[in-house]
Amino acid sequence: MSHIVAFPELTGEQLVDLQRLLRSRSTPAGVHRRAILIWELAAGSSLVEAGEAAALHYTNAHRWVRRFLASGVKGLTDRTRSGRPPD
């Protein structure tokens, strides 16, 4: 069951930003997985294949793709959460 997502061609700046996230040792693990997802989609993989490569469930992969399409590379980072701050 391969769902093909109409994924737009990435700009040069977006590709450079993704490569920076993928190569950096200080990139948080979650952001790294999401960057892998977008990189795989840009290479032509289906959403299911890209999700498997990034170790993300299809539902979560779809959510991150929507955030990327709405906000670009900045959309791959975690949003601040309400509640008690960590100690």
C-alpha atoms as a PDB file:
ATOM      1  CA  MET A   1       0.000   0.000   0.000  1.00  0.00           C
ATOM      2  CA  SER A   2       2.078   2.898  -1.279  1.00  0.00           C
ATOM      3  CA  HIS A   3       0.506   6.295  -0.926  1.00  0.00           C
ATOM      4  CA  ILE A   4       2.024   8.756  -3.357  1.00  0.00           C
ATOM      5  CA  VAL A   5       2.160  12.279  -1.964  1.00  0.00           C
ATOM      6  CA  ALA A   6       2.280  15.183  -4.382  1.00  0.00           C
ATOM      7  CA  PHE A   7       5.560  16.485  -3.007  1.00  0.00           C
ATOM      8  CA  PRO A   8       6.902  19.693  -4.559  1.00  0.00           C
ATOM      9  CA  GLU A   9      10.453  20.037  -5.778  1.00  0.00           C
ATOM     10  CA  LEU A  10      12.633  21.515  -3.031  1.00  0.00           C
ATOM     11  CA  THR A  11      14.545  24.741  -3.480  1.00  0.00           C
ATOM     12  CA  GLY A  12      18.311  24.825  -3.264  1.00  0.00           C
ATOM     13  CA  GLU A  13      18.094  26.565   0.108  1.00  0.00           C
ATOM     14  CA  GLN A  14      15.787  23.867   1.489  1.00  0.00           C
ATOM     15  CA  LEU A  15      18.129  21.136   0.257  1.00  0.00           C
ATOM     16  CA  VAL A  16      21.107  22.832   1.898  1.00  0.00           C
ATOM     17  CA  ASP A  17      19.184  23.242   5.168  1.00  0.00           C
ATOM     18  CA  LEU A  18      18.184  19.553   5.122  1.00  0.00           C
ATOM     19  CA  GLN A  19      21.769  18.461   4.440  1.00  0.00           C
ATOM     20  CA  ARG A  20      22.954  20.621   7.336  1.00  0.00           C
ATOM     21  CA  LEU A  21      20.446  18.940   9.660  1.00  0.00           C
ATOM     22  CA  LEU A  22      21.370  15.470   8.421  1.00  0.00           C
ATOM     23  CA  ARG A  23      25.126  15.976   8.759  1.00  0.00           C
ATOM     24  CA  SER A  24      25.237  17.858  12.044  1.00  0.00           C
ATOM     25  CA  ARG A  25      26.101  15.873  15.155  1.00  0.00           C
ATOM     26  CA  SER A  26      24.137  18.284  17.319  1.00  0.00           C
ATOM     27  CA  THR A  27      20.800  17.850  15.522  1.00  0.00           C
ATOM     28  CA  PRO A  28      18.195  16.419  17.913  1.00  0.00           C
ATOM     29  CA  ALA A  29      17.208  12.838  17.050  1.00  0.00           C
ATOM     30  CA  GLY A  30      13.591  13.699  16.281  1.00  0.00           C
ATOM     31  CA  VAL A  31      14.529  16.499  13.901  1.00  0.00           C
ATOM     32  CA  HIS A  32      17.070  14.211  12.224  1.00  0.00           C
ATOM     33  CA  ARG A  33      14.389  11.565  11.600  1.00  0.00           C
ATOM     34  CA  ARG A  34      12.028  14.170  10.162  1.00  0.00           C
ATOM     35  CA  ALA A  35      14.789  15.495   7.893  1.00  0.00           C
ATOM     36  CA  ILE A  36      15.339  11.937   6.630  1.00  0.00           C
ATOM     37  CA  LEU A  37      11.613  11.710   5.899  1.00  0.00           C
ATOM     38  CA  ILE A  38      11.608  14.886   3.804  1.00  0.00           C
ATOM     39  CA  TRP A  39      14.869  13.946   2.066  1.00  0.00           C
ATOM     40  CA  GLU A  40      13.428  10.572   1.035  1.00  0.00           C
ATOM     41  CA  LEU A  41      10.230  12.184  -0.250  1.00  0.00           C
ATOM     42  CA  ALA A  42      12.242  14.692  -2.262  1.00  0.00           C
ATOM     43  CA  ALA A  43      14.124  11.760  -3.809  1.00  0.00           C
ATOM     44  CA  GLY A  44      10.822  10.294  -5.025  1.00  0.00           C
ATOM     45  CA  SER A  45      10.012   7.725  -2.356  1.00  0.00           C
ATOM     46  CA  SER A  46       6.411   7.072  -1.389  1.00  0.00           C
ATOM     47  CA  LEU A  47       5.188   8.269   1.994  1.00  0.00           C
ATOM     48  CA  VAL A  48       5.218   4.715   3.362  1.00  0.00           C
ATOM     49  CA  GLU A  49       8.794   4.091   2.145  1.00  0.00           C
ATOM     50  CA  ALA A  50      10.023   7.437   3.454  1.00  0.00           C
ATOM     51  CA  GLY A  51       8.301   6.826   6.791  1.00  0.00           C
ATOM     52  CA  GLU A  52       9.990   3.438   7.106  1.00  0.00           C
ATOM     53  CA  ALA A  53      13.384   4.958   6.275  1.00  0.00           C
ATOM     54  CA  ALA A  54      12.844   7.571   8.992  1.00  0.00           C
ATOM     55  CA  ALA A  55      11.358   5.053  11.467  1.00  0.00           C
ATOM     56  CA  LEU A  56       8.085   6.980  11.595  1.00  0.00           C
ATOM     57  CA  HIS A  57       4.569   5.565  11.449  1.00  0.00           C
ATOM     58  CA  TYR A  58       2.583   6.565   8.359  1.00  0.00           C
ATOM     59  CA  THR A  59       0.244   8.779  10.409  1.00  0.00           C
ATOM     60  CA  ASN A  60       3.115  10.679  12.034  1.00  0.00           C
ATOM     61  CA  ALA A  61       4.991  10.934   8.737  1.00  0.00           C
ATOM     62  CA  HIS A  62       1.937  12.492   7.103  1.00  0.00           C
ATOM     63  CA  ARG A  63       1.626  15.000   9.951  1.00  0.00           C
ATOM     64  CA  TRP A  64       5.283  16.069   9.598  1.00  0.00           C
ATOM     65  CA  VAL A  65       4.963  16.401   5.836  1.00  0.00           C
ATOM     66  CA  ARG A  66       2.011  18.759   6.313  1.00  0.00           C
ATOM     67  CA  ARG A  67       4.029  20.826   8.788  1.00  0.00           C
ATOM     68  CA  PHE A  68       6.982  20.928   6.384  1.00  0.00           C
ATOM     69  CA  LEU A  69       4.763  22.046   3.506  1.00  0.00           C
ATOM     70  CA  ALA A  70       3.240  24.777   5.692  1.00  0.00           C
ATOM     71  CA  SER A  71       6.411  26.034   7.425  1.00  0.00           C
ATOM     72  CA  GLY A  72       9.411  24.693   5.519  1.00  0.00           C
ATOM     73  CA  VAL A  73      12.457  23.297   7.294  1.00  0.00           C
ATOM     74  CA  LYS A  74      11.577  25.272  10.436  1.00  0.00           C
ATOM     75  CA  GLY A  75       8.401  23.181  10.704  1.00  0.00           C
ATOM     76  CA  LEU A  76      10.479  20.075  11.462  1.00  0.00           C
ATOM     77  CA  THR A  77      11.423  21.310  14.923  1.00  0.00           C
ATOM     78  CA  ASP A  78       9.344  20.615  18.012  1.00  0.00           C
ATOM     79  CA  ARG A  79       6.959  23.304  19.130  1.00  0.00           C
ATOM     80  CA  THR A  80       7.069  24.541  22.689  1.00  0.00           C
ATOM     81  CA  ARG A  81       4.655  22.774  24.989  1.00  0.00           C
ATOM     82  CA  SER A  82       2.605  24.210  27.765  1.00  0.00           C
ATOM     83  CA  GLY A  83       2.947  22.904  31.256  1.00  0.00           C
ATOM     84  CA  ARG A  84       5.568  22.725  33.886  1.00  0.00           C
ATOM     85  CA  PRO A  85       9.070  23.488  32.603  1.00  0.00           C
ATOM     86  CA  PRO A  86      11.747  20.835  33.070  1.00  0.00           C
ATOM     87  CA  ASP A  87      13.960  21.149  36.148  1.00  0.00           C
END
